[in-house]
Amino acid sequence: MSQDPRQTQRSGPRIFYRKEKLRGACWEYQIAGGWIAVPRPEGGERRLLHHRFQFYKPREVEVRTPTGVERLERTGAEQWFFPDRWFSLLRFTTDDDRTVGYYVNFSLPLAELRENYYRDLDLELDLWLDPDGTATVLDRDEFDAEVALERMRPDWAVAVDQACAAVAVAAAASVAEHGPNLDHWRDPEHGLPRFILRA
């Protein structure tokens, strides 16, 4: 049986990531993966930071799939961090690598604090995408509260709203082009769905 290349441990230096919140909380962890290069739809490549992890406790969830509503067991995830976009993308998965859904976490673009140590700042708004492309905006109330309290810079709020709209449009365009299946095309080596590269 051939080994899934996404499961292999990449050689090279250890990479760490730090997630920060507007109210001061933060957490960090070592990246299980590393930098990857993925093809752009318009040509050329983009560099992204790729991470994979398993949940300690599986969770059964109801999701809209291309074949209808199903109950799937979420056991793990993989995540891609974008140095040039105001979000990161999580793909929640089952044990047999089916997509449970995509979670878009809007944040400052990934930045390097020091060598092999990266951070971003969570900007509250999130977007859930079912495998069939159904989009649900999450935590809008928390986002609006941070704007009202002036903890969120106005230019950041504008950038997040624009990024959220761009991802939703990219997902809708994928569904219009290929039918209700956001997994119609994913990078065979790294698993990244094509729609996110259009956002």
N, C-alpha and C. Protein backbone atom coordinates (compact mmCIF):
# COMPACT_ATOMS: atom_id res chain seq x y z
N MET A 1 0.85 -1.18 0.00
CA MET A 1 0.00 0.00 0.00
C MET A 1 0.90 1.24 0.00
N SER A 2 0.63 2.20 -0.90
CA SER A 2 1.44 3.40 -0.96
C SER A 2 1.04 4.35 0.16
N GLN A 3 2.01 5.10 0.63
CA GLN A 3 1.75 6.02 1.74
C GLN A 3 1.25 7.35 1.19
N ASP A 4 0.25 7.91 1.83
CA ASP A 4 -0.28 9.21 1.47
C ASP A 4 0.81 10.25 1.68
N PRO A 5 1.24 10.98 0.61
CA PRO A 5 2.33 11.94 0.78
C PRO A 5 2.01 13.04 1.77
N ARG A 6 0.72 13.31 2.01
CA ARG A 6 0.35 14.35 2.97
C ARG A 6 0.56 13.89 4.41
N GLN A 7 0.71 12.57 4.61
CA GLN A 7 0.90 12.03 5.95
C GLN A 7 2.38 11.98 6.35
N THR A 8 3.29 12.14 5.39
CA THR A 8 4.71 12.00 5.68
C THR A 8 5.22 13.23 6.43
N GLN A 9 6.16 13.02 7.32
CA GLN A 9 6.76 14.12 8.06
C GLN A 9 7.81 14.77 7.17
N ARG A 10 7.69 16.05 6.95
CA ARG A 10 8.65 16.75 6.10
C ARG A 10 9.94 16.97 6.87
N SER A 11 11.06 16.83 6.16
CA SER A 11 12.35 17.07 6.79
C SER A 11 12.58 18.57 6.86
N GLY A 12 13.49 18.98 7.74
CA GLY A 12 13.79 20.39 7.85
C GLY A 12 13.56 20.89 9.26
N PRO A 13 13.71 22.19 9.45
CA PRO A 13 13.59 22.76 10.80
C PRO A 13 12.17 22.68 11.33
N ARG A 14 12.04 22.67 12.64
CA ARG A 14 10.72 22.69 13.27
C ARG A 14 10.10 24.07 13.08
N ILE A 15 8.79 24.11 12.82
CA ILE A 15 8.07 25.35 12.60
C ILE A 15 6.99 25.49 13.66
N PHE A 16 6.87 26.68 14.23
CA PHE A 16 5.88 26.92 15.26
C PHE A 16 4.91 28.01 14.82
N TYR A 17 3.70 27.91 15.35
CA TYR A 17 2.62 28.86 15.00
C TYR A 17 1.98 29.38 16.29
N ARG A 18 1.65 30.67 16.29
CA ARG A 18 1.01 31.33 17.43
C ARG A 18 -0.27 32.01 16.96
N LYS A 19 -1.39 31.63 17.55
CA LYS A 19 -2.69 32.26 17.28
C LYS A 19 -2.98 33.25 18.40
N GLU A 20 -3.26 34.51 18.03
CA GLU A 20 -3.56 35.54 19.01
C GLU A 20 -5.00 36.03 18.82
N LYS A 21 -5.60 36.48 19.92
CA LYS A 21 -6.96 37.03 19.90
C LYS A 21 -6.91 38.52 20.24
N LEU A 22 -7.92 39.24 19.79
CA LEU A 22 -7.97 40.69 20.03
C LEU A 22 -7.97 41.03 21.52
N ARG A 23 -8.56 40.17 22.34
CA ARG A 23 -8.66 40.45 23.78
C ARG A 23 -7.43 39.96 24.56
N GLY A 24 -6.41 39.46 23.85
CA GLY A 24 -5.16 39.12 24.51
C GLY A 24 -4.86 37.64 24.68
N ALA A 25 -5.86 36.77 24.56
CA ALA A 25 -5.59 35.34 24.68
C ALA A 25 -4.73 34.87 23.51
N CYS A 26 -3.99 33.80 23.73
CA CYS A 26 -3.19 33.23 22.64
C CYS A 26 -2.85 31.78 22.94
N TRP A 27 -2.52 31.03 21.92
CA TRP A 27 -2.03 29.68 22.08
C TRP A 27 -1.10 29.38 20.92
N GLU A 28 -0.24 28.41 21.11
CA GLU A 28 0.73 28.09 20.06
C GLU A 28 0.97 26.60 20.01
N TYR A 29 1.46 26.15 18.86
CA TYR A 29 1.75 24.74 18.69
C TYR A 29 2.75 24.56 17.54
N GLN A 30 3.33 23.37 17.51
CA GLN A 30 4.26 23.05 16.44
C GLN A 30 3.47 22.61 15.21
N ILE A 31 3.90 23.06 14.05
CA ILE A 31 3.26 22.70 12.79
C ILE A 31 3.65 21.27 12.42
N ALA A 32 2.64 20.42 12.19
CA ALA A 32 2.87 19.06 11.70
C ALA A 32 2.71 19.11 10.19
N GLY A 33 3.77 19.50 9.54
CA GLY A 33 3.75 19.70 8.09
C GLY A 33 4.86 20.64 7.71
N GLY A 34 4.55 21.69 6.96
CA GLY A 34 5.57 22.65 6.55
C GLY A 34 5.11 23.47 5.37
N TRP A 35 6.05 24.18 4.78
CA TRP A 35 5.74 25.02 3.63
C TRP A 35 5.53 24.18 2.38
N ILE A 36 4.52 24.53 1.62
CA ILE A 36 4.22 23.83 0.37
C ILE A 36 4.06 24.86 -0.74
N ALA A 37 4.20 24.41 -1.98
CA ALA A 37 3.95 25.25 -3.14
C ALA A 37 2.77 24.63 -3.90
N VAL A 38 1.75 25.42 -4.16
CA VAL A 38 0.57 24.93 -4.88
C VAL A 38 0.38 25.77 -6.13
N PRO A 39 -0.13 25.16 -7.20
CA PRO A 39 -0.31 25.91 -8.45
C PRO A 39 -1.45 26.91 -8.36
N ARG A 40 -1.24 28.09 -8.89
CA ARG A 40 -2.29 29.09 -8.99
C ARG A 40 -3.18 28.76 -10.19
N PRO A 41 -4.49 29.02 -10.11
CA PRO A 41 -5.36 28.79 -11.28
C PRO A 41 -4.91 29.59 -12.50
N GLU A 42 -4.35 30.79 -12.25
CA GLU A 42 -3.93 31.64 -13.37
C GLU A 42 -2.49 31.37 -13.81
N GLY A 43 -1.82 30.40 -13.15
CA GLY A 43 -0.44 30.08 -13.49
C GLY A 43 0.51 30.49 -12.38
N GLY A 44 1.65 29.83 -12.32
CA GLY A 44 2.60 30.09 -11.26
C GLY A 44 2.26 29.32 -9.99
N GLU A 45 2.94 29.65 -8.89
CA GLU A 45 2.76 28.94 -7.63
C GLU A 45 2.57 29.92 -6.48
N ARG A 46 1.94 29.40 -5.41
CA ARG A 46 1.83 30.14 -4.15
C ARG A 46 2.40 29.28 -3.04
N ARG A 47 3.08 29.92 -2.09
CA ARG A 47 3.62 29.22 -0.92
C ARG A 47 2.65 29.35 0.24
N LEU A 48 2.31 28.21 0.84
CA LEU A 48 1.39 28.15 1.97
C LEU A 48 2.00 27.29 3.06
N LEU A 49 1.59 27.56 4.29
CA LEU A 49 2.01 26.72 5.41
C LEU A 49 0.90 25.70 5.68
N HIS A 50 1.26 24.42 5.69
CA HIS A 50 0.29 23.32 5.80
C HIS A 50 0.49 22.57 7.12
N HIS A 51 -0.63 22.29 7.79
CA HIS A 51 -0.60 21.62 9.10
C HIS A 51 -1.70 20.56 9.14
N ARG A 52 -1.44 19.43 9.80
CA ARG A 52 -2.44 18.38 9.97
C ARG A 52 -2.51 17.96 11.43
N PHE A 53 -3.72 17.58 11.87
CA PHE A 53 -3.85 17.11 13.25
C PHE A 53 -5.07 16.22 13.39
N GLN A 54 -5.07 15.45 14.47
CA GLN A 54 -6.20 14.57 14.82
C GLN A 54 -6.85 15.08 16.09
N PHE A 55 -8.16 14.87 16.21
CA PHE A 55 -8.87 15.25 17.43
C PHE A 55 -8.76 14.12 18.45
N TYR A 56 -8.67 14.49 19.72
CA TYR A 56 -8.63 13.48 20.78
C TYR A 56 -9.95 12.72 20.85
N LYS A 57 -11.04 13.43 20.60
CA LYS A 57 -12.36 12.81 20.69
C LYS A 57 -13.14 13.06 19.40
N PRO A 58 -13.45 12.01 18.62
CA PRO A 58 -14.24 12.20 17.40
C PRO A 58 -15.61 12.80 17.72
N ARG A 59 -16.16 13.51 16.76
CA ARG A 59 -17.47 14.14 16.95
C ARG A 59 -18.34 13.88 15.73
N GLU A 60 -19.56 13.41 15.97
CA GLU A 60 -20.49 13.16 14.87
C GLU A 60 -21.24 14.44 14.55
N VAL A 61 -21.27 14.81 13.27
CA VAL A 61 -21.93 16.04 12.85
C VAL A 61 -22.77 15.78 11.61
N GLU A 62 -23.79 16.60 11.42
CA GLU A 62 -24.66 16.50 10.25
C GLU A 62 -24.21 17.54 9.23
N VAL A 63 -23.94 17.08 8.01
CA VAL A 63 -23.43 17.98 6.97
C VAL A 63 -24.17 17.75 5.66
N ARG A 64 -24.16 18.80 4.85
CA ARG A 64 -24.76 18.73 3.51
C ARG A 64 -23.68 18.30 2.53
N THR A 65 -23.82 17.11 1.96
CA THR A 65 -22.85 16.57 1.02
C THR A 65 -23.45 16.60 -0.39
N PRO A 66 -22.64 16.34 -1.41
CA PRO A 66 -23.18 16.30 -2.77
C PRO A 66 -24.31 15.30 -2.97
N THR A 67 -24.41 14.30 -2.10
CA THR A 67 -25.47 13.29 -2.24
C THR A 67 -26.61 13.48 -1.25
N GLY A 68 -26.58 14.56 -0.47
CA GLY A 68 -27.64 14.83 0.50
C GLY A 68 -27.09 15.00 1.90
N VAL A 69 -27.97 15.19 2.86
CA VAL A 69 -27.55 15.38 4.25
C VAL A 69 -27.08 14.04 4.83
N GLU A 70 -25.90 14.06 5.44
CA GLU A 70 -25.33 12.85 6.04
C GLU A 70 -24.79 13.17 7.43
N ARG A 71 -24.70 12.12 8.25
CA ARG A 71 -24.01 12.25 9.54
C ARG A 71 -22.63 11.63 9.38
N LEU A 72 -21.61 12.44 9.62
CA LEU A 72 -20.23 12.00 9.47
C LEU A 72 -19.49 12.20 10.79
N GLU A 73 -18.47 11.39 11.00
CA GLU A 73 -17.68 11.50 12.22
C GLU A 73 -16.40 12.28 11.93
N ARG A 74 -16.31 13.46 12.55
CA ARG A 74 -15.14 14.32 12.38
C ARG A 74 -14.03 13.82 13.29
N THR A 75 -12.92 13.38 12.70
CA THR A 75 -11.82 12.83 13.48
C THR A 75 -10.52 13.61 13.37
N GLY A 76 -10.38 14.43 12.33
CA GLY A 76 -9.13 15.16 12.14
C GLY A 76 -9.34 16.37 11.25
N ALA A 77 -8.24 17.04 10.96
CA ALA A 77 -8.31 18.22 10.11
C ALA A 77 -6.95 18.52 9.52
N GLU A 78 -6.96 19.28 8.47
CA GLU A 78 -5.74 19.88 7.95
C GLU A 78 -6.01 21.36 7.74
N GLN A 79 -4.95 22.14 7.84
CA GLN A 79 -5.10 23.58 7.80
C GLN A 79 -4.04 24.19 6.89
N TRP A 80 -4.44 25.23 6.19
CA TRP A 80 -3.52 25.97 5.33
C TRP A 80 -3.52 27.43 5.77
N PHE A 81 -2.32 27.98 5.97
CA PHE A 81 -2.14 29.38 6.36
C PHE A 81 -1.62 30.16 5.15
N PHE A 82 -2.20 31.34 4.92
CA PHE A 82 -1.90 32.15 3.75
C PHE A 82 -1.17 33.43 4.15
N PRO A 83 0.08 33.63 3.72
CA PRO A 83 0.77 34.88 4.02
C PRO A 83 0.20 36.08 3.24
N ASP A 84 -0.59 35.80 2.20
CA ASP A 84 -1.09 36.87 1.33
C ASP A 84 -2.61 37.03 1.37
N ARG A 85 -3.28 36.43 2.34
CA ARG A 85 -4.74 36.53 2.44
C ARG A 85 -5.14 36.73 3.90
N TRP A 86 -6.35 37.24 4.11
CA TRP A 86 -6.86 37.55 5.44
C TRP A 86 -7.64 36.37 6.00
N PHE A 87 -7.13 35.18 5.85
CA PHE A 87 -7.80 33.99 6.38
C PHE A 87 -6.85 32.80 6.38
N SER A 88 -7.24 31.78 7.16
CA SER A 88 -6.67 30.44 7.03
C SER A 88 -7.84 29.51 6.75
N LEU A 89 -7.55 28.34 6.21
CA LEU A 89 -8.59 27.39 5.84
C LEU A 89 -8.36 26.07 6.56
N LEU A 90 -9.41 25.56 7.21
CA LEU A 90 -9.38 24.22 7.80
C LEU A 90 -10.30 23.31 7.01
N ARG A 91 -9.82 22.11 6.74
CA ARG A 91 -10.66 21.06 6.15
C ARG A 91 -10.83 19.97 7.20
N PHE A 92 -12.05 19.83 7.73
CA PHE A 92 -12.33 18.78 8.70
C PHE A 92 -12.58 17.48 7.97
N THR A 93 -12.05 16.37 8.53
CA THR A 93 -12.07 15.10 7.81
C THR A 93 -12.53 13.94 8.68
N THR A 94 -12.94 12.86 7.98
CA THR A 94 -13.26 11.59 8.63
C THR A 94 -12.02 10.71 8.62
N ASP A 95 -12.13 9.54 9.24
CA ASP A 95 -11.00 8.59 9.24
C ASP A 95 -10.59 8.16 7.85
N ASP A 96 -11.59 8.09 6.93
CA ASP A 96 -11.26 7.67 5.56
C ASP A 96 -11.09 8.88 4.63
N ASP A 97 -10.76 10.04 5.19
CA ASP A 97 -10.38 11.24 4.46
C ASP A 97 -11.52 11.87 3.66
N ARG A 98 -12.76 11.65 4.10
CA ARG A 98 -13.87 12.40 3.49
C ARG A 98 -13.92 13.79 4.10
N THR A 99 -14.37 14.75 3.34
CA THR A 99 -14.49 16.11 3.85
C THR A 99 -15.78 16.28 4.64
N VAL A 100 -15.65 16.69 5.89
CA VAL A 100 -16.80 16.99 6.73
C VAL A 100 -17.25 18.43 6.48
N GLY A 101 -16.33 19.30 6.17
CA GLY A 101 -16.63 20.68 5.87
C GLY A 101 -15.38 21.53 5.90
N TYR A 102 -15.52 22.75 5.42
CA TYR A 102 -14.41 23.70 5.41
C TYR A 102 -14.74 24.86 6.35
N TYR A 103 -13.76 25.24 7.15
CA TYR A 103 -13.91 26.32 8.12
C TYR A 103 -12.90 27.40 7.77
N VAL A 104 -13.39 28.58 7.43
CA VAL A 104 -12.52 29.68 7.07
C VAL A 104 -12.43 30.61 8.27
N ASN A 105 -11.22 30.77 8.79
CA ASN A 105 -10.96 31.61 9.95
C ASN A 105 -10.32 32.91 9.47
N PHE A 106 -11.05 34.03 9.62
CA PHE A 106 -10.53 35.31 9.13
C PHE A 106 -9.59 35.91 10.17
N SER A 107 -8.44 36.37 9.69
CA SER A 107 -7.37 36.83 10.56
C SER A 107 -6.44 37.73 9.77
N LEU A 108 -5.50 38.34 10.48
CA LEU A 108 -4.42 39.02 9.78
C LEU A 108 -3.66 37.98 8.96
N PRO A 109 -3.11 38.36 7.81
CA PRO A 109 -2.29 37.41 7.05
C PRO A 109 -1.15 36.86 7.92
N LEU A 110 -0.79 35.62 7.67
CA LEU A 110 0.28 34.98 8.43
C LEU A 110 1.57 35.79 8.30
N ALA A 111 2.22 36.04 9.43
CA ALA A 111 3.45 36.82 9.45
C ALA A 111 4.52 36.09 10.24
N GLU A 112 5.79 36.33 9.91
CA GLU A 112 6.90 35.71 10.59
C GLU A 112 7.35 36.60 11.76
N LEU A 113 7.31 36.06 12.98
CA LEU A 113 7.81 36.78 14.15
C LEU A 113 9.33 36.69 14.24
N ARG A 114 9.82 35.48 14.03
CA ARG A 114 11.25 35.23 13.95
C ARG A 114 11.42 33.95 13.13
N GLU A 115 12.63 33.52 12.92
CA GLU A 115 12.86 32.39 12.04
C GLU A 115 12.07 31.15 12.47
N ASN A 116 11.24 30.64 11.55
CA ASN A 116 10.44 29.42 11.75
C ASN A 116 9.40 29.56 12.87
N TYR A 117 8.99 30.79 13.15
CA TYR A 117 7.97 31.05 14.16
C TYR A 117 7.02 32.09 13.58
N TYR A 118 5.75 31.67 13.38
CA TYR A 118 4.78 32.49 12.67
C TYR A 118 3.57 32.78 13.56
N ARG A 119 2.86 33.86 13.23
CA ARG A 119 1.68 34.21 14.02
C ARG A 119 0.64 34.85 13.11
N ASP A 120 -0.61 34.82 13.60
CA ASP A 120 -1.66 35.64 13.04
C ASP A 120 -2.56 36.11 14.18
N LEU A 121 -3.45 37.03 13.87
CA LEU A 121 -4.36 37.59 14.85
C LEU A 121 -5.78 37.29 14.41
N ASP A 122 -6.50 36.52 15.23
CA ASP A 122 -7.87 36.14 14.91
C ASP A 122 -8.77 37.38 14.93
N LEU A 123 -9.55 37.56 13.86
CA LEU A 123 -10.42 38.72 13.74
C LEU A 123 -11.90 38.35 13.83
N GLU A 124 -12.17 37.29 14.58
CA GLU A 124 -13.50 36.90 15.06
C GLU A 124 -14.42 36.27 14.01
N LEU A 125 -14.53 36.85 12.82
CA LEU A 125 -15.49 36.33 11.84
C LEU A 125 -15.01 35.00 11.27
N ASP A 126 -15.96 34.08 11.05
CA ASP A 126 -15.65 32.77 10.47
C ASP A 126 -16.71 32.42 9.44
N LEU A 127 -16.37 31.49 8.56
CA LEU A 127 -17.30 31.03 7.53
C LEU A 127 -17.23 29.52 7.47
N TRP A 128 -18.39 28.85 7.59
CA TRP A 128 -18.46 27.40 7.46
C TRP A 128 -19.01 27.06 6.08
N LEU A 129 -18.34 26.12 5.40
CA LEU A 129 -18.77 25.66 4.08
C LEU A 129 -19.00 24.16 4.13
N ASP A 130 -20.25 23.75 3.92
CA ASP A 130 -20.54 22.32 3.81
C ASP A 130 -19.93 21.79 2.52
N PRO A 131 -19.71 20.47 2.42
CA PRO A 131 -19.12 19.91 1.20
C PRO A 131 -19.89 20.25 -0.08
N ASP A 132 -21.20 20.51 0.05
CA ASP A 132 -21.98 20.85 -1.15
C ASP A 132 -21.91 22.33 -1.49
N GLY A 133 -21.15 23.11 -0.71
CA GLY A 133 -20.98 24.52 -1.00
C GLY A 133 -21.87 25.45 -0.20
N THR A 134 -22.79 24.92 0.61
CA THR A 134 -23.64 25.76 1.44
C THR A 134 -22.78 26.55 2.42
N ALA A 135 -22.93 27.88 2.42
CA ALA A 135 -22.10 28.75 3.24
C ALA A 135 -22.89 29.32 4.41
N THR A 136 -22.27 29.34 5.60
CA THR A 136 -22.88 29.90 6.80
C THR A 136 -21.87 30.80 7.49
N VAL A 137 -22.18 32.08 7.62
CA VAL A 137 -21.31 33.01 8.33
C VAL A 137 -21.47 32.79 9.83
N LEU A 138 -20.35 32.72 10.54
CA LEU A 138 -20.35 32.47 11.98
C LEU A 138 -19.73 33.65 12.73
N ASP A 139 -20.22 33.87 13.95
CA ASP A 139 -19.63 34.85 14.87
C ASP A 139 -19.69 36.29 14.39
N ARG A 140 -20.70 36.61 13.58
CA ARG A 140 -20.87 37.99 13.12
C ARG A 140 -21.10 38.93 14.31
N ASP A 141 -21.83 38.45 15.32
CA ASP A 141 -22.11 39.29 16.49
C ASP A 141 -20.82 39.64 17.24
N GLU A 142 -19.91 38.67 17.37
CA GLU A 142 -18.63 38.93 18.04
C GLU A 142 -17.78 39.89 17.23
N PHE A 143 -17.79 39.72 15.92
CA PHE A 143 -17.05 40.62 15.03
C PHE A 143 -17.59 42.05 15.16
N ASP A 144 -18.91 42.20 15.08
CA ASP A 144 -19.51 43.53 15.18
C ASP A 144 -19.24 44.17 16.54
N ALA A 145 -19.22 43.35 17.60
CA ALA A 145 -18.93 43.88 18.94
C ALA A 145 -17.51 44.42 19.01
N GLU A 146 -16.55 43.73 18.42
CA GLU A 146 -15.17 44.21 18.44
C GLU A 146 -15.03 45.51 17.64
N VAL A 147 -15.79 45.62 16.55
CA VAL A 147 -15.79 46.87 15.78
C VAL A 147 -16.37 48.00 16.63
N ALA A 148 -17.51 47.73 17.28
CA ALA A 148 -18.17 48.76 18.09
C ALA A 148 -17.30 49.21 19.26
N LEU A 149 -16.55 48.28 19.85
CA LEU A 149 -15.69 48.61 20.99
C LEU A 149 -14.34 49.20 20.56
N GLU A 150 -14.15 49.29 19.24
CA GLU A 150 -12.93 49.87 18.65
C GLU A 150 -11.67 49.08 18.98
N ARG A 151 -11.84 47.77 19.26
CA ARG A 151 -10.67 46.90 19.38
C ARG A 151 -10.25 46.44 17.98
N MET A 152 -11.20 46.47 17.06
CA MET A 152 -10.94 46.09 15.67
C MET A 152 -10.66 47.36 14.86
N ARG A 153 -9.50 47.45 14.26
CA ARG A 153 -9.19 48.61 13.42
C ARG A 153 -10.16 48.65 12.24
N PRO A 154 -10.64 49.84 11.87
CA PRO A 154 -11.60 49.93 10.75
C PRO A 154 -11.09 49.32 9.45
N ASP A 155 -9.81 49.51 9.15
CA ASP A 155 -9.28 48.95 7.90
C ASP A 155 -9.23 47.43 7.97
N TRP A 156 -9.01 46.86 9.17
CA TRP A 156 -9.05 45.41 9.32
C TRP A 156 -10.47 44.90 9.09
N ALA A 157 -11.46 45.60 9.66
CA ALA A 157 -12.86 45.18 9.49
C ALA A 157 -13.24 45.16 8.02
N VAL A 158 -12.82 46.18 7.29
CA VAL A 158 -13.12 46.23 5.85
C VAL A 158 -12.45 45.07 5.12
N ALA A 159 -11.19 44.80 5.46
CA ALA A 159 -10.45 43.71 4.81
C ALA A 159 -11.10 42.36 5.10
N VAL A 160 -11.58 42.14 6.32
CA VAL A 160 -12.24 40.88 6.67
C VAL A 160 -13.55 40.72 5.90
N ASP A 161 -14.36 41.78 5.86
CA ASP A 161 -15.61 41.71 5.12
C ASP A 161 -15.35 41.40 3.64
N GLN A 162 -14.34 42.02 3.08
CA GLN A 162 -14.00 41.77 1.67
C GLN A 162 -13.51 40.34 1.47
N ALA A 163 -12.71 39.85 2.41
CA ALA A 163 -12.20 38.48 2.30
C ALA A 163 -13.33 37.46 2.43
N CYS A 164 -14.26 37.71 3.35
CA CYS A 164 -15.39 36.80 3.52
C CYS A 164 -16.24 36.75 2.26
N ALA A 165 -16.50 37.92 1.67
CA ALA A 165 -17.27 37.96 0.43
C ALA A 165 -16.53 37.24 -0.70
N ALA A 166 -15.20 37.41 -0.77
CA ALA A 166 -14.42 36.78 -1.83
C ALA A 166 -14.45 35.26 -1.72
N VAL A 167 -14.35 34.73 -0.49
CA VAL A 167 -14.39 33.27 -0.31
C VAL A 167 -15.78 32.73 -0.67
N ALA A 168 -16.83 33.42 -0.22
CA ALA A 168 -18.19 32.98 -0.53
C ALA A 168 -18.44 32.98 -2.04
N VAL A 169 -17.96 34.01 -2.72
CA VAL A 169 -18.11 34.09 -4.18
C VAL A 169 -17.34 32.97 -4.87
N ALA A 170 -16.12 32.70 -4.39
CA ALA A 170 -15.30 31.64 -4.98
C ALA A 170 -15.95 30.28 -4.80
N ALA A 171 -16.54 30.02 -3.62
CA ALA A 171 -17.22 28.75 -3.39
C ALA A 171 -18.46 28.64 -4.28
N ALA A 172 -19.23 29.72 -4.39
CA ALA A 172 -20.43 29.71 -5.23
C ALA A 172 -20.07 29.50 -6.69
N ALA A 173 -18.97 30.10 -7.14
CA ALA A 173 -18.53 29.93 -8.52
C ALA A 173 -18.13 28.49 -8.79
N SER A 174 -17.48 27.85 -7.81
CA SER A 174 -17.10 26.45 -7.96
C SER A 174 -18.33 25.56 -8.09
N VAL A 175 -19.35 25.84 -7.28
CA VAL A 175 -20.59 25.06 -7.34
C VAL A 175 -21.29 25.29 -8.68
N ALA A 176 -21.31 26.53 -9.15
CA ALA A 176 -21.96 26.83 -10.43
C ALA A 176 -21.25 26.13 -11.59
N GLU A 177 -19.92 26.01 -11.46
CA GLU A 177 -19.13 25.41 -12.54
C GLU A 177 -19.10 23.89 -12.49
N HIS A 178 -19.03 23.31 -11.28
CA HIS A 178 -18.81 21.87 -11.16
C HIS A 178 -19.93 21.13 -10.45
N GLY A 179 -20.97 21.83 -10.01
CA GLY A 179 -22.02 21.19 -9.24
C GLY A 179 -21.74 21.29 -7.76
N PRO A 180 -22.66 20.80 -6.91
CA PRO A 180 -22.55 20.98 -5.45
C PRO A 180 -21.51 20.06 -4.81
N ASN A 181 -20.23 20.36 -5.09
CA ASN A 181 -19.15 19.54 -4.56
C ASN A 181 -17.86 20.36 -4.51
N LEU A 182 -17.54 20.91 -3.33
CA LEU A 182 -16.32 21.72 -3.22
C LEU A 182 -15.06 20.89 -3.36
N ASP A 183 -15.19 19.57 -3.29
CA ASP A 183 -14.03 18.68 -3.47
C ASP A 183 -13.87 18.23 -4.92
N HIS A 184 -14.59 18.88 -5.84
CA HIS A 184 -14.49 18.48 -7.25
C HIS A 184 -13.04 18.39 -7.69
N TRP A 185 -12.23 19.35 -7.27
CA TRP A 185 -10.80 19.27 -7.56
C TRP A 185 -10.02 19.72 -6.34
N ARG A 186 -9.18 18.84 -5.84
CA ARG A 186 -8.24 19.18 -4.78
C ARG A 186 -6.86 18.78 -5.22
N ASP A 187 -5.86 19.56 -4.83
CA ASP A 187 -4.48 19.26 -5.17
C ASP A 187 -4.15 17.84 -4.72
N PRO A 188 -3.70 16.96 -5.63
CA PRO A 188 -3.50 15.55 -5.27
C PRO A 188 -2.42 15.32 -4.22
N GLU A 189 -1.48 16.24 -4.10
CA GLU A 189 -0.41 16.05 -3.12
C GLU A 189 -0.76 16.64 -1.77
N HIS A 190 -1.38 17.84 -1.78
CA HIS A 190 -1.60 18.56 -0.53
C HIS A 190 -3.06 18.67 -0.13
N GLY A 191 -3.99 18.27 -0.99
CA GLY A 191 -5.40 18.25 -0.63
C GLY A 191 -6.12 19.58 -0.67
N LEU A 192 -5.43 20.65 -1.04
CA LEU A 192 -6.04 21.98 -1.03
C LEU A 192 -7.11 22.09 -2.12
N PRO A 193 -8.34 22.54 -1.76
CA PRO A 193 -9.39 22.69 -2.78
C PRO A 193 -9.13 23.90 -3.67
N ARG A 194 -9.43 23.76 -4.95
CA ARG A 194 -9.14 24.82 -5.91
C ARG A 194 -9.90 26.11 -5.59
N PHE A 195 -11.13 26.00 -5.08
CA PHE A 195 -11.94 27.21 -4.92
C PHE A 195 -11.25 28.27 -4.06
N ILE A 196 -10.50 27.82 -3.03
CA ILE A 196 -9.91 28.79 -2.10
C ILE A 196 -8.82 29.61 -2.77
N LEU A 197 -8.20 29.08 -3.82
CA LEU A 197 -7.15 29.81 -4.50
C LEU A 197 -7.72 30.93 -5.38
N ARG A 198 -9.04 30.91 -5.57
CA ARG A 198 -9.68 31.98 -6.34
C ARG A 198 -10.09 33.15 -5.46
N ALA A 199 -10.01 32.97 -4.15
CA ALA A 199 -10.47 34.04 -3.23
C ALA A 199 -9.36 35.05 -2.94
